[in-house]
Amino acid sequence: MKRVILMYLLCAGLVSHAQEWTKKINDSDFHNRRSKGLKIGDKMPDISLGSVWNNKTGKTRFSDFKGKLIILDFWSQGCSDCIAAFPKMEKLQKEFKDEIQIFLFNPWEMVDDVIMHFKKNSEDLKMPDLPCIQKDTKGISEQLLKLLPVMGVTTQVWIDKDGKITLIGSSRNNTSKKIRDFLDGKEVYKLNNNSLNPNFDPSYPYVKLLGDFKTTPVKYSSTFTGFNNEYQAQNPNRALNILDSAAGTIRNTFVNTFVLDLYSHPFKDIFLAQQKKILYEAISHRGYVIPFNFELPKDTLRYTYFHKYLNGGSDDSIYRKPKFCYEQILPINVPVELQKKYMLEDLNRYFSSLYGTYGRLEKRVVPCYELVQLAGSMPVNSKSRNPDNLYSTMKKVNTVKDWKKYVRYENYSLSLICQEIFENQYLRNEFLENKKSSKPAILFNETGLEGTAILDLLELPEAAAIKSMEDYRRALNKIGFDIKVSSRSLNFLVITDNSGK
């Protein structure tokens, strides 16, 4: 019966799109915004550019650029990703020369304030050699912002050679190949953002929208699609254990979610219990931030990515590749453990057909460190910790004792003290190197104390004096703790596929 209903939805969606799916979504801000300003296909009015910094073109109106592709790149001085993309934008302008004109667009800040910010924060930070439309005193920038109903930075607006709006979407569209294809009249994939799309609505089942989507076909049965550019395109979202008493179902929905996160969900309780005793772990994995208890194949980008690949604007195919949508609808009486089991089976069934993927939980014995209390020591304060003022009572003071520099901690918890490992480059690097050579790269709490237990006043040498785990161990000995080398059996999520190791 479920298949029949789904086929009807899909066919209805292919036959007619008179009923827009966006009208069904409860997002008043989006519906208000879409009713104002220009839309895709509208012609840009012949108005002034307003206040333009570094305007070497000598042109002052949008109509002066007829015959060129105009790219408006929204940014602000508080957007580090925008600033990191400046060199790429300069390179694109030089590459396409007179075929395009890129304008940085900052309608929220005056040019003098922006230049002062750049001078104050770094000698290496400078404005790019591109014209920049800035906030002005005549209200022209406000007029432009009303015409272009974008939500903020990391957004681009493209105006074609005939002056028509052709794109209001993500700044990740600004790739050389995409611009060239567009100029050559080819069809290009345009990555939307929430200026065009409403926010995720957890009250509305994803499966009920599939027949309305124009460019996101079903990939697997009734529950899988690839990256969905029409629905909360830039943020992953989920709705878990949604009960529909009328239909007698329970629903779990994941929208634009990393494949690794999908595989992690059936084992989340196991990993949370395991993580509770971990104070520190080396989490670097082939340049990606992945916790120790995951093992991925060679082509890691099938499953997740690290943010550094997006700084400065990456090809949006990398952004989309590891993201999928999955929805599970089961009878309301199916227990949680069976829901997880069925989800893992679904994932292996679909991704095995796509990549030859097989994910499972494995027990492995790994070397580790253990933090223990020395006999007779008890550096625990009897005061209870109030979660409302967790940080207000903590103090960290630099002191000098016997001609040596120390850091004194008051009212710190055990877990916060162990953050010294992360803040010390020598210790952090030692953990990372250990991980590469299968040596201890995890520190477990075996003190018998809760990670949030308040400790009495503690003193540790300054970071510069601790250059190895042995140095750190000796420092901890003086305050009643020790670090021992051990091994233990741990749960790992292991994923293999046809890309190999």
Protein backbone atom coordinates (compact mmCIF):
# COMPACT_ATOMS: atom_id res chain seq x y z
CA MET A 1 0.00 0.00 0.00
CA LYS A 2 2.86 2.35 0.88
CA ARG A 3 4.42 1.91 -2.59
CA VAL A 4 1.14 2.69 -4.33
CA ILE A 5 0.73 5.93 -2.39
CA LEU A 6 4.31 6.96 -3.16
CA MET A 7 3.91 6.25 -6.88
CA TYR A 8 0.83 8.47 -6.91
CA LEU A 9 2.73 11.29 -5.26
CA LEU A 10 5.60 11.03 -7.72
CA CYS A 11 3.36 10.90 -10.77
CA ALA A 12 1.30 13.83 -9.53
CA GLY A 13 4.50 15.82 -9.02
CA LEU A 14 5.74 15.03 -12.54
CA VAL A 15 2.44 15.91 -14.18
CA SER A 16 1.80 19.26 -12.54
CA HIS A 17 3.47 21.72 -10.23
CA ALA A 18 0.52 24.06 -9.86
CA GLN A 19 0.62 23.48 -6.10
CA GLU A 20 4.03 24.80 -4.96
CA TRP A 21 5.50 22.75 -2.12
CA THR A 22 6.76 25.89 -0.40
CA LYS A 23 3.19 26.94 0.37
CA LYS A 24 2.87 23.91 2.64
CA ILE A 25 5.83 24.82 4.85
CA ASN A 26 5.35 26.78 8.07
CA ASP A 27 7.97 29.52 7.58
CA SER A 28 6.37 32.96 7.89
CA ASP A 29 9.69 34.79 7.41
CA PHE A 30 10.26 33.03 4.08
CA HIS A 31 6.71 33.64 2.84
CA ASN A 32 6.97 37.32 3.78
CA ARG A 33 10.35 37.69 2.09
CA ARG A 34 9.38 35.91 -1.15
CA SER A 35 6.43 38.27 -1.61
CA LYS A 36 8.79 41.24 -1.82
CA GLY A 37 11.66 42.20 -4.09
CA LEU A 38 12.85 40.76 -7.39
CA LYS A 39 12.53 37.11 -8.35
CA ILE A 40 14.38 34.86 -10.77
CA GLY A 41 13.60 36.08 -14.30
CA ASP A 42 12.80 39.67 -13.25
CA LYS A 43 14.74 42.51 -14.86
CA MET A 44 17.06 44.57 -12.71
CA PRO A 45 15.87 48.21 -12.67
CA ASP A 46 18.20 50.79 -14.17
CA ILE A 47 19.33 52.33 -10.89
CA SER A 48 22.55 53.75 -9.47
CA LEU A 49 25.18 51.49 -7.91
CA GLY A 50 25.45 53.93 -5.02
CA SER A 51 28.66 54.15 -2.99
CA VAL A 52 31.28 51.98 -4.71
CA TRP A 53 34.77 51.60 -3.25
CA ASN A 54 37.59 50.97 -5.79
CA ASN A 55 35.32 51.48 -8.80
CA LYS A 56 37.93 51.35 -11.58
CA THR A 57 35.21 50.64 -14.15
CA GLY A 58 34.09 54.26 -14.14
CA LYS A 59 30.50 53.07 -14.48
CA THR A 60 27.77 54.08 -12.05
CA ARG A 61 24.57 52.26 -13.08
CA PHE A 62 23.57 48.64 -13.59
CA SER A 63 22.57 49.33 -17.20
CA ASP A 64 26.18 50.34 -17.96
CA PHE A 65 27.14 46.66 -17.74
CA LYS A 66 24.72 45.35 -20.35
CA GLY A 67 26.26 42.40 -22.18
CA LYS A 68 28.16 41.19 -19.12
CA LEU A 69 27.34 38.75 -16.35
CA ILE A 70 27.18 40.74 -13.09
CA ILE A 71 27.95 38.82 -9.90
CA LEU A 72 27.00 40.47 -6.59
CA ASP A 73 28.84 38.76 -3.73
CA PHE A 74 27.33 39.60 -0.32
CA TRP A 75 29.81 39.88 2.55
CA SER A 76 30.55 41.67 5.83
CA GLN A 77 33.69 42.22 7.86
CA GLY A 78 32.51 39.70 10.44
CA CYS A 79 32.28 36.87 7.86
CA SER A 80 35.64 35.08 7.81
CA ASP A 81 34.56 32.72 5.00
CA CYS A 82 33.63 35.71 2.83
CA ILE A 83 37.02 37.34 3.38
CA ALA A 84 38.83 34.02 2.76
CA ALA A 85 37.11 33.86 -0.65
CA PHE A 86 38.37 37.30 -1.78
CA PRO A 87 41.47 35.96 -3.60
CA LYS A 88 39.30 33.50 -5.51
CA MET A 89 36.93 36.28 -6.54
CA GLU A 90 39.87 38.38 -7.77
CA LYS A 91 41.16 35.39 -9.75
CA LEU A 92 37.75 34.84 -11.38
CA GLN A 93 37.55 38.50 -12.42
CA LYS A 94 41.01 38.32 -14.03
CA GLU A 95 40.18 35.01 -15.72
CA PHE A 96 36.96 36.21 -17.39
CA LYS A 97 38.04 39.85 -17.86
CA ASP A 98 35.34 41.85 -19.68
CA GLU A 99 32.87 38.96 -19.85
CA ILE A 100 31.85 39.42 -16.22
CA GLN A 101 31.88 42.08 -13.53
CA ILE A 102 32.13 41.02 -9.91
CA PHE A 103 30.96 43.42 -7.22
CA LEU A 104 31.53 42.73 -3.56
CA PHE A 105 28.32 43.87 -1.88
CA ASN A 106 28.28 45.03 1.76
CA PRO A 107 25.09 47.07 2.30
CA TRP A 108 25.42 46.92 6.10
CA GLU A 109 28.74 48.74 6.74
CA MET A 110 30.24 52.07 5.64
CA VAL A 111 33.45 51.84 3.61
CA ASP A 112 35.51 53.85 6.14
CA ASP A 113 34.54 51.44 8.93
CA VAL A 114 35.51 48.43 6.79
CA ILE A 115 38.92 49.83 5.80
CA MET A 116 39.63 50.77 9.44
CA HIS A 117 38.72 47.22 10.50
CA PHE A 118 41.17 45.74 7.99
CA LYS A 119 44.01 48.04 9.06
CA LYS A 120 43.41 47.41 12.75
CA ASN A 121 43.21 43.61 12.67
CA SER A 122 46.11 42.57 10.43
CA GLU A 123 48.81 44.02 8.25
CA ASP A 124 48.30 41.13 5.82
CA LEU A 125 44.52 41.62 5.65
CA LYS A 126 43.61 43.92 2.81
CA MET A 127 40.66 44.76 0.62
CA PRO A 128 40.74 42.93 -2.73
CA ASP A 129 41.19 44.67 -6.08
CA LEU A 130 37.48 44.51 -6.85
CA PRO A 131 34.77 47.18 -6.75
CA CYS A 132 32.71 47.00 -3.56
CA ILE A 133 29.21 48.42 -3.16
CA GLN A 134 28.97 49.72 0.42
CA LYS A 135 26.35 51.24 2.68
CA ASP A 136 25.80 54.90 1.80
CA THR A 137 24.13 57.93 3.37
CA LYS A 138 21.62 58.37 0.51
CA GLY A 139 19.84 55.07 1.12
CA ILE A 140 20.76 53.51 -2.24
CA SER A 141 22.24 50.41 -0.58
CA GLU A 142 19.00 49.97 1.39
CA GLN A 143 17.02 50.24 -1.84
CA LEU A 144 19.19 47.56 -3.44
CA LEU A 145 18.74 45.30 -0.40
CA LYS A 146 14.95 45.62 -0.68
CA LEU A 147 15.11 44.70 -4.37
CA LEU A 148 17.23 41.63 -3.61
CA PRO A 149 15.58 39.76 -0.70
CA VAL A 150 18.63 37.80 0.45
CA MET A 151 19.08 36.52 4.01
CA GLY A 152 22.67 37.67 4.52
CA VAL A 153 26.29 36.89 3.71
CA THR A 154 27.65 33.93 1.67
CA THR A 155 24.93 34.75 -0.85
CA GLN A 156 25.35 35.68 -4.52
CA VAL A 157 23.05 37.30 -7.05
CA TRP A 158 23.79 36.83 -10.77
CA ILE A 159 22.39 39.28 -13.33
CA ASP A 160 22.72 38.06 -16.94
CA LYS A 161 23.84 40.04 -19.98
CA ASP A 162 20.25 41.18 -20.62
CA GLY A 163 19.85 42.53 -17.08
CA LYS A 164 17.67 39.67 -15.77
CA ILE A 165 18.09 38.06 -12.35
CA THR A 166 19.26 34.52 -13.05
CA LEU A 167 20.49 33.37 -9.64
CA ILE A 168 19.86 34.22 -6.00
CA GLY A 169 21.71 31.57 -4.07
CA SER A 170 24.85 30.23 -2.41
CA SER A 171 28.29 31.77 -2.95
CA ARG A 172 29.51 28.22 -3.64
CA ASN A 173 28.16 28.69 -7.18
CA ASN A 174 31.18 30.83 -8.08
CA THR A 175 33.35 28.18 -9.76
CA SER A 176 35.26 28.84 -12.96
CA LYS A 177 33.62 25.96 -14.83
CA LYS A 178 30.13 26.99 -13.76
CA ILE A 179 30.66 30.59 -14.93
CA ARG A 180 32.13 29.43 -18.25
CA ASP A 181 29.25 27.04 -18.86
CA PHE A 182 26.74 29.78 -18.03
CA LEU A 183 28.41 32.24 -20.42
CA ASP A 184 28.39 29.57 -23.13
CA GLY A 185 24.65 29.10 -22.69
CA LYS A 186 24.88 25.67 -21.06
CA GLU A 187 22.58 24.48 -18.30
CA VAL A 188 24.31 24.79 -14.90
CA TYR A 189 23.42 23.52 -11.44
CA LYS A 190 22.58 26.49 -9.21
CA LEU A 191 22.95 25.82 -5.50
CA ASN A 192 20.15 27.55 -3.61
CA ASN A 193 20.23 28.86 -0.07
CA ASN A 194 17.50 29.94 2.32
CA SER A 195 16.90 33.19 0.45
CA LEU A 196 14.97 31.05 -2.05
CA ASN A 197 14.00 28.12 0.17
CA PRO A 198 12.08 27.93 3.45
CA ASN A 199 13.53 26.49 6.62
CA PHE A 200 13.15 22.85 7.56
CA ASP A 201 9.70 22.15 9.03
CA PRO A 202 9.89 19.14 11.44
CA SER A 203 6.09 18.87 11.57
CA TYR A 204 5.85 17.99 7.88
CA PRO A 205 7.02 14.53 6.68
CA TYR A 206 9.63 14.66 3.94
CA VAL A 207 7.96 11.83 2.06
CA LYS A 208 4.79 13.91 1.59
CA LEU A 209 6.81 16.57 -0.25
CA LEU A 210 8.65 14.32 -2.67
CA GLY A 211 5.97 14.48 -5.34
CA ASP A 212 6.13 18.28 -5.34
CA PHE A 213 9.91 18.64 -5.74
CA LYS A 214 10.91 19.53 -9.28
CA THR A 215 14.59 18.56 -9.35
CA THR A 216 15.09 16.03 -6.53
CA PRO A 217 14.00 12.55 -7.66
CA VAL A 218 13.65 9.63 -5.27
CA LYS A 219 16.88 7.61 -5.19
CA TYR A 220 15.89 4.55 -3.27
CA SER A 221 12.44 3.16 -2.50
CA SER A 222 10.38 5.71 -0.62
CA THR A 223 13.07 6.84 1.80
CA PHE A 224 16.29 7.88 0.04
CA THR A 225 17.23 10.88 -2.10
CA GLY A 226 20.54 12.53 -2.82
CA PHE A 227 21.31 16.08 -1.72
CA ASN A 228 18.11 18.15 -1.83
CA ASN A 229 18.70 21.66 -3.15
CA GLU A 230 15.05 22.61 -2.65
CA TYR A 231 14.70 22.03 1.08
CA GLN A 232 16.93 23.63 3.76
CA ALA A 233 19.81 23.29 1.31
CA GLN A 234 22.68 24.50 3.49
CA ASN A 235 21.93 22.91 6.87
CA PRO A 236 21.37 19.29 7.90
CA ASN A 237 18.21 18.67 9.94
CA ARG A 238 16.44 15.77 11.57
CA ALA A 239 13.12 14.93 13.17
CA LEU A 240 13.23 11.86 15.42
CA ASN A 241 10.49 9.64 16.84
CA ILE A 242 7.62 11.68 15.39
CA LEU A 243 4.39 9.88 16.25
CA ASP A 244 1.35 9.97 14.01
CA SER A 245 -1.40 8.34 16.04
CA ALA A 246 -3.93 8.71 13.22
CA ALA A 247 -1.72 6.80 10.78
CA GLY A 248 -0.32 4.55 13.49
CA THR A 249 3.30 5.30 12.52
CA ILE A 250 6.56 6.53 13.97
CA ARG A 251 8.85 8.60 11.74
CA ASN A 252 12.56 9.46 11.66
CA THR A 253 13.62 12.01 9.06
CA PHE A 254 17.14 13.12 8.10
CA VAL A 255 17.52 15.91 5.55
CA ASN A 256 20.84 16.72 3.81
CA THR A 257 22.77 14.71 6.39
CA PHE A 258 26.30 13.32 6.10
CA VAL A 259 26.38 9.59 5.35
CA LEU A 260 28.71 9.16 8.36
CA ASP A 261 26.09 10.76 10.63
CA LEU A 262 23.42 8.44 9.23
CA TYR A 263 25.58 5.38 9.98
CA SER A 264 26.37 6.74 13.45
CA HIS A 265 22.73 7.14 14.49
CA PRO A 266 21.93 3.43 15.14
CA PHE A 267 24.92 3.27 17.52
CA LYS A 268 24.63 6.69 19.17
CA ASP A 269 23.79 5.35 22.65
CA ILE A 270 26.76 2.96 22.54
CA PHE A 271 29.14 5.74 21.53
CA LEU A 272 27.75 8.20 24.08
CA ALA A 273 28.29 5.68 26.89
CA GLN A 274 31.81 5.02 25.61
CA GLN A 275 32.61 8.73 25.30
CA LYS A 276 31.58 9.49 28.90
CA LYS A 277 34.89 8.19 30.27
CA ILE A 278 37.08 9.79 27.60
CA LEU A 279 38.87 12.96 28.67
CA TYR A 280 40.86 13.51 25.47
CA GLU A 281 41.36 11.83 22.12
CA ALA A 282 43.32 12.44 18.92
CA ILE A 283 40.67 13.08 16.28
CA SER A 284 42.65 13.85 13.13
CA HIS A 285 41.95 11.42 10.29
CA ARG A 286 43.45 12.08 6.85
CA GLY A 287 42.91 15.80 7.35
CA TYR A 288 39.32 15.38 8.50
CA VAL A 289 37.94 15.77 12.00
CA ILE A 290 36.65 12.28 12.78
CA PRO A 291 36.53 10.78 16.31
CA PHE A 292 38.74 7.78 17.03
CA ASN A 293 35.90 5.26 16.98
CA PHE A 294 35.24 5.63 13.24
CA GLU A 295 37.19 3.93 10.47
CA LEU A 296 36.43 5.14 6.95
CA PRO A 297 37.53 3.98 3.48
CA LYS A 298 40.02 5.79 1.24
CA ASP A 299 37.39 8.00 -0.42
CA THR A 300 36.37 9.78 2.80
CA LEU A 301 34.47 12.46 0.86
CA ARG A 302 31.77 9.91 0.15
CA TYR A 303 30.83 10.08 3.82
CA THR A 304 31.81 13.46 5.28
CA TYR A 305 34.15 16.44 4.85
CA PHE A 306 36.17 18.83 6.97
CA HIS A 307 35.35 22.56 6.92
CA LYS A 308 38.78 23.56 5.61
CA TYR A 309 37.79 22.26 2.18
CA LEU A 310 35.04 24.90 2.02
CA ASN A 311 36.97 27.97 3.19
CA GLY A 312 37.37 30.30 0.26
CA GLY A 313 34.52 28.58 -1.58
CA SER A 314 34.89 25.01 -2.87
CA ASP A 315 33.19 23.35 -5.80
CA ASP A 316 29.64 22.71 -4.62
CA SER A 317 29.86 19.10 -5.83
CA ILE A 318 32.17 18.41 -2.85
CA TYR A 319 29.63 20.07 -0.56
CA ARG A 320 26.79 17.92 -1.95
CA LYS A 321 28.55 14.58 -2.41
CA PRO A 322 28.40 13.19 1.17
CA LYS A 323 24.90 14.51 1.96
CA PHE A 324 21.74 12.45 1.56
CA CYS A 325 18.15 12.46 2.79
CA TYR A 326 16.67 9.45 4.53
CA GLU A 327 13.27 8.90 6.06
CA GLN A 328 12.06 5.89 7.99
CA ILE A 329 8.36 5.32 8.64
CA LEU A 330 7.43 2.26 10.68
CA PRO A 331 4.42 0.95 12.62
CA ILE A 332 4.07 2.79 15.91
CA ASN A 333 4.70 -0.31 18.02
CA VAL A 334 8.17 -1.11 16.56
CA PRO A 335 10.69 -0.81 19.44
CA VAL A 336 13.67 1.55 19.21
CA GLU A 337 16.26 -1.21 18.86
CA LEU A 338 14.42 -2.62 15.85
CA GLN A 339 14.16 0.89 14.33
CA LYS A 340 17.96 1.18 14.54
CA LYS A 341 18.47 -2.31 13.13
CA TYR A 342 16.20 -1.57 10.15
CA MET A 343 17.95 1.77 9.56
CA LEU A 344 21.38 0.10 9.39
CA GLU A 345 19.98 -2.49 6.98
CA ASP A 346 18.52 0.30 4.81
CA LEU A 347 21.84 2.16 4.75
CA ASN A 348 23.85 -0.93 3.84
CA ARG A 349 21.30 -1.94 1.23
CA TYR A 350 21.34 1.44 -0.51
CA PHE A 351 24.99 2.47 -0.18
CA SER A 352 26.20 -1.02 -1.08
CA SER A 353 24.46 -0.54 -4.43
CA LEU A 354 26.06 2.90 -4.77
CA TYR A 355 29.62 2.35 -3.48
CA GLY A 356 29.79 -1.26 -2.34
CA THR A 357 29.53 0.07 1.21
CA TYR A 358 29.23 -2.09 4.30
CA GLY A 359 29.01 -0.51 7.78
CA ARG A 360 29.06 -2.43 11.06
CA LEU A 361 30.09 -2.24 14.71
CA GLU A 362 33.34 -3.99 15.68
CA LYS A 363 35.10 -4.55 19.01
CA ARG A 364 38.81 -3.72 18.92
CA VAL A 365 41.55 -3.75 21.53
CA VAL A 366 43.44 -0.44 21.39
CA PRO A 367 46.29 1.04 23.44
CA CYS A 368 45.27 3.97 25.65
CA TYR A 369 46.21 6.24 28.53
CA GLU A 370 44.38 6.17 31.86
CA LEU A 371 44.23 9.07 34.31
CA VAL A 372 44.24 7.68 37.88
CA GLN A 373 44.45 9.09 41.40
CA LEU A 374 47.58 8.45 43.43
CA ALA A 375 47.09 6.57 46.67
CA GLY A 376 46.10 8.82 49.54
CA SER A 377 45.28 11.85 47.36
CA MET A 378 41.82 13.38 47.20
CA PRO A 379 41.85 16.76 45.43
CA VAL A 380 38.08 16.99 45.41
CA ASN A 381 36.13 19.93 46.74
CA SER A 382 32.99 19.10 48.69
CA LYS A 383 31.08 22.01 47.13
CA SER A 384 28.37 21.10 44.65
CA ARG A 385 28.46 22.53 41.16
CA ASN A 386 25.58 24.74 40.08
CA PRO A 387 25.11 24.36 36.30
CA ASP A 388 23.70 27.89 36.10
CA ASN A 389 26.99 29.46 37.18
CA LEU A 390 29.36 26.79 35.89
CA TYR A 391 31.97 29.23 34.65
CA SER A 392 31.44 32.20 36.95
CA THR A 393 33.34 30.64 39.88
CA MET A 394 36.33 29.37 37.88
CA LYS A 395 39.62 31.24 38.08
CA LYS A 396 42.82 30.78 36.10
CA VAL A 397 45.79 32.82 37.39
CA ASN A 398 49.43 32.93 36.26
CA THR A 399 51.86 32.70 39.20
CA VAL A 400 55.59 32.36 39.87
CA LYS A 401 56.92 29.83 42.38
CA ASP A 402 60.59 29.02 43.02
CA TRP A 403 61.49 31.08 39.96
CA LYS A 404 59.24 28.94 37.77
CA LYS A 405 56.00 29.99 36.06
CA TYR A 406 52.81 28.16 36.96
CA VAL A 407 49.09 28.36 36.19
CA ARG A 408 46.81 28.16 39.21
CA TYR A 409 43.30 26.77 38.74
CA GLU A 410 40.47 27.34 41.19
CA ASN A 411 37.10 25.56 41.02
CA TYR A 412 37.94 23.74 37.78
CA SER A 413 36.57 20.34 36.87
CA LEU A 414 38.65 17.34 35.91
CA SER A 415 37.57 17.52 32.27
CA LEU A 416 38.55 21.19 31.97
CA ILE A 417 42.01 20.54 33.40
CA CYS A 418 42.56 17.92 30.72
CA GLN A 419 41.89 20.53 28.06
CA GLU A 420 45.48 21.54 28.74
CA ILE A 421 46.44 18.72 26.39
CA PHE A 422 44.60 20.34 23.51
CA GLU A 423 45.96 23.79 24.31
CA ASN A 424 49.55 22.48 24.44
CA GLN A 425 50.92 21.91 20.93
CA TYR A 426 53.52 19.38 22.13
CA LEU A 427 50.97 17.17 23.86
CA ARG A 428 48.44 17.55 21.08
CA ASN A 429 51.00 16.57 18.44
CA GLU A 430 52.18 13.63 20.53
CA PHE A 431 48.63 12.26 20.60
CA LEU A 432 48.32 12.70 16.82
CA GLU A 433 51.66 10.98 16.17
CA ASN A 434 50.69 8.17 18.52
CA LYS A 435 47.52 7.64 16.53
CA LYS A 436 49.49 7.23 13.30
CA SER A 437 51.76 4.61 14.87
CA SER A 438 49.07 2.72 16.83
CA LYS A 439 50.28 3.99 20.21
CA PRO A 440 48.01 5.42 22.95
CA ALA A 441 45.96 8.30 21.53
CA ILE A 442 43.03 8.31 23.99
CA LEU A 443 42.96 9.38 27.65
CA PHE A 444 40.36 7.69 29.83
CA ASN A 445 39.14 8.85 33.21
CA GLU A 446 39.83 6.10 35.75
CA THR A 447 40.06 8.36 38.80
CA GLY A 448 36.68 7.34 40.14
CA LEU A 449 35.65 11.00 39.90
CA GLU A 450 32.95 12.44 37.70
CA GLY A 451 34.28 14.63 34.87
CA THR A 452 32.35 17.58 36.33
CA ALA A 453 33.56 17.12 39.92
CA ILE A 454 35.00 20.35 41.36
CA LEU A 455 38.67 20.12 42.27
CA ASP A 456 40.53 22.00 44.96
CA LEU A 457 43.12 24.60 44.01
CA LEU A 458 45.56 23.08 41.51
CA GLU A 459 48.85 24.31 40.08
CA LEU A 460 50.44 23.16 36.84
CA PRO A 461 53.57 24.44 35.08
CA GLU A 462 52.97 26.87 32.22
CA ALA A 463 52.44 25.25 28.82
CA ALA A 464 55.94 26.11 27.59
CA ALA A 465 57.44 23.92 30.34
CA ILE A 466 55.45 20.82 29.31
CA LYS A 467 56.83 19.37 26.08
CA SER A 468 55.91 15.69 26.36
CA MET A 469 53.48 13.33 28.01
CA GLU A 470 56.21 12.41 30.49
CA ASP A 471 56.52 16.10 31.48
CA TYR A 472 52.75 16.29 31.88
CA ARG A 473 52.70 13.08 33.92
CA ARG A 474 55.30 14.43 36.37
CA ALA A 475 53.31 17.66 36.72
CA LEU A 476 50.12 15.72 37.46
CA ASN A 477 51.94 13.55 40.03
CA LYS A 478 52.45 16.68 42.16
CA ILE A 479 48.71 17.31 42.34
CA GLY A 480 47.65 13.74 43.09
CA PHE A 481 47.18 12.20 39.63
CA ASP A 482 49.11 9.88 37.35
CA ILE A 483 48.85 8.73 33.71
CA LYS A 484 49.30 5.03 32.96
CA VAL A 485 49.56 3.15 29.67
CA SER A 486 46.92 0.47 29.21
CA SER A 487 44.66 -1.11 26.60
CA ARG A 488 40.97 -1.84 26.35
CA SER A 489 38.29 -3.22 24.08
CA LEU A 490 36.31 -0.46 22.37
CA ASN A 491 33.43 -0.25 19.90
CA PHE A 492 34.30 1.04 16.42
CA LEU A 493 32.03 1.93 13.54
CA VAL A 494 33.85 0.41 10.58
CA ILE A 495 32.83 1.32 7.03
CA THR A 496 34.34 -0.34 3.97
CA ASP A 497 33.61 0.16 0.27
CA ASN A 498 35.06 -0.35 -3.18
CA SER A 499 37.53 2.58 -2.82
CA GLY A 500 39.76 0.48 -0.53
CA LYS A 501 41.89 1.68 2.37
